[in-house]
Amino acid sequence: MKKYEFINHTADLGIRVWGESIEELFENAAYSMFDTIADLNRVELKKTMKVEIEKEELDELLADWLRNLLYKFNGDRYLLKEFRVETIDTQGLKAKVKGEKLDLSRHHLKREIKAVTYHGLEVKKADRGWEAQIIFDI
């Protein structure tokens, strides 16, 4: 199954993401965001971090998940490559993410993502699994 594709959007960057489960959808959304930011082939899995987000509506939870991870890049300078969502339930989301600190001598940045927007944000059950649409401010 394809993880994601770019969608046409006038000023920002749009992505449509799929997953067989809701957890896989969130993992693929995170992967697509970091794959857009950098060449992930050069990122090593040196550090594991826990992520926990309190329960919200699914679309808001997806946006907050991606915002949390984007802060790990923009604020803490971590490039993330592996995402394992352990649970999404009535309590919220629990996950582990892996990557390493940004090293410009080894890492190639492709595109800046400034923010995850609510514009056009959609999470829905699809014929085969789950589907989401996300618009990033670039």
Protein backbone atom coordinates (compact mmCIF):
# COMPACT_ATOMS: atom_id res chain seq x y z
CA MET A 1 0.00 0.00 0.00
CA LYS A 2 1.26 3.47 -0.89
CA LYS A 3 2.04 5.62 2.19
CA TYR A 4 1.35 9.09 0.79
CA GLU A 5 1.17 11.37 -2.25
CA PHE A 6 1.37 15.11 -2.80
CA ILE A 7 -1.87 16.87 -3.72
CA ASN A 8 -2.34 20.12 -5.62
CA HIS A 9 -2.61 23.16 -3.40
CA THR A 10 -2.12 26.77 -4.43
CA ALA A 11 0.26 28.28 -1.85
CA ASP A 12 1.03 25.53 0.63
CA LEU A 13 1.93 21.85 0.41
CA GLY A 14 -0.83 19.26 0.57
CA ILE A 15 -0.41 15.56 1.28
CA ARG A 16 -2.88 12.69 1.19
CA VAL A 17 -1.89 9.80 3.46
CA TRP A 18 -3.14 6.22 3.85
CA GLY A 19 -2.88 3.46 6.43
CA GLU A 20 -4.47 0.11 6.98
CA SER A 21 -5.04 1.05 10.64
CA ILE A 22 -5.43 4.42 12.34
CA GLU A 23 -2.01 3.89 13.95
CA GLU A 24 -0.40 3.23 10.57
CA LEU A 25 -2.10 6.34 9.17
CA PHE A 26 -0.50 8.49 11.89
CA GLU A 27 2.89 6.80 11.34
CA ASN A 28 2.69 7.39 7.57
CA ALA A 29 1.66 11.03 8.09
CA ALA A 30 4.73 11.60 10.28
CA TYR A 31 6.97 9.81 7.80
CA SER A 32 5.61 11.87 4.90
CA MET A 33 6.30 15.12 6.77
CA PHE A 34 9.92 14.22 7.54
CA ASP A 35 10.45 12.72 4.09
CA THR A 36 9.40 16.10 2.72
CA ILE A 37 11.85 17.92 5.02
CA ALA A 38 14.97 15.80 4.49
CA ASP A 39 16.59 12.85 2.75
CA LEU A 40 15.75 10.15 5.29
CA ASN A 41 18.23 7.67 3.79
CA ARG A 42 20.96 9.56 5.64
CA VAL A 43 19.20 9.61 9.03
CA GLU A 44 20.34 7.09 11.63
CA LEU A 45 18.19 5.73 14.47
CA LYS A 46 20.39 6.94 17.33
CA LYS A 47 17.77 8.28 19.76
CA THR A 48 14.32 7.03 20.81
CA MET A 49 11.78 9.49 22.23
CA LYS A 50 8.32 8.98 23.69
CA VAL A 51 5.40 11.08 22.52
CA GLU A 52 2.11 11.31 24.40
CA ILE A 53 -0.84 13.49 23.43
CA GLU A 54 -4.14 13.70 25.31
CA LYS A 55 -7.33 12.65 23.52
CA GLU A 56 -8.93 14.95 21.03
CA GLU A 57 -10.99 14.54 17.90
CA LEU A 58 -9.06 12.44 15.36
CA ASP A 59 -8.28 15.32 13.01
CA GLU A 60 -7.06 17.52 15.88
CA LEU A 61 -5.05 14.61 17.29
CA LEU A 62 -3.35 14.14 13.91
CA ALA A 63 -2.52 17.85 13.70
CA ASP A 64 -1.14 17.91 17.25
CA TRP A 65 0.89 14.73 16.60
CA LEU A 66 2.50 16.33 13.56
CA ARG A 67 3.00 19.68 15.34
CA ASN A 68 4.70 17.91 18.23
CA LEU A 69 7.06 16.13 15.83
CA LEU A 70 7.69 19.29 13.80
CA TYR A 71 8.72 21.03 17.02
CA LYS A 72 11.24 18.24 17.63
CA PHE A 73 12.79 19.28 14.31
CA ASN A 74 12.41 23.08 14.40
CA GLY A 75 12.99 23.50 18.14
CA ASP A 76 15.19 20.58 19.18
CA ARG A 77 16.84 19.92 15.77
CA TYR A 78 15.95 16.22 15.53
CA LEU A 79 15.40 14.52 12.20
CA LEU A 80 13.01 11.63 12.77
CA LYS A 81 12.71 8.59 10.57
CA GLU A 82 10.87 5.82 12.41
CA PHE A 83 7.44 6.21 14.00
CA ARG A 84 5.63 3.57 16.09
CA VAL A 85 2.21 4.57 17.36
CA GLU A 86 1.53 2.18 20.21
CA THR A 87 -2.03 3.26 20.99
CA ILE A 88 -4.72 5.66 19.91
CA ASP A 89 -7.66 5.31 22.30
CA THR A 90 -9.96 7.29 24.59
CA GLN A 91 -6.92 8.48 26.57
CA GLY A 92 -5.06 9.83 23.53
CA LEU A 93 -1.97 8.81 21.60
CA LYS A 94 1.21 7.09 22.79
CA ALA A 95 4.13 6.56 20.46
CA LYS A 96 7.86 6.13 20.16
CA VAL A 97 9.87 7.93 17.49
CA LYS A 98 13.47 7.43 16.42
CA GLY A 99 16.04 9.58 14.69
CA GLU A 100 19.05 11.73 15.39
CA LYS A 101 20.19 15.33 15.81
CA LEU A 102 20.46 17.31 12.59
CA ASP A 103 24.01 17.33 11.23
CA LEU A 104 24.29 19.52 8.15
CA SER A 105 27.58 17.87 7.20
CA ARG A 106 25.66 14.59 6.65
CA HIS A 107 21.99 15.48 6.23
CA HIS A 108 20.42 16.95 3.14
CA LEU A 109 17.41 19.21 3.81
CA LYS A 110 14.87 19.34 0.98
CA ARG A 111 12.07 21.69 2.03
CA GLU A 112 11.09 23.79 5.02
CA ILE A 113 7.75 23.12 6.67
CA LYS A 114 6.74 26.04 8.87
CA ALA A 115 3.51 24.69 10.32
CA VAL A 116 0.75 22.09 10.19
CA THR A 117 -2.54 23.81 9.36
CA TYR A 118 -6.19 23.02 10.06
CA HIS A 119 -7.05 24.13 6.52
CA GLY A 120 -8.42 21.14 4.63
CA LEU A 121 -7.47 18.77 7.46
CA GLU A 122 -9.44 15.57 7.19
CA VAL A 123 -9.22 12.07 8.72
CA LYS A 124 -11.69 9.45 7.56
CA LYS A 125 -12.32 5.74 7.34
CA ALA A 126 -11.81 4.63 3.75
CA ASP A 127 -12.72 1.51 1.77
CA ARG A 128 -9.42 -0.13 2.71
CA GLY A 129 -8.25 1.36 5.99
CA TRP A 130 -7.86 5.05 6.76
CA GLU A 131 -7.14 8.20 4.77
CA ALA A 132 -6.11 11.73 5.74
CA GLN A 133 -5.42 15.01 4.04
CA ILE A 134 -2.95 17.47 5.57
CA ILE A 135 -1.89 20.93 4.42
CA PHE A 136 1.51 22.24 5.51
CA ASP A 137 2.49 25.90 5.56
CA ILE A 138 5.79 26.11 3.69
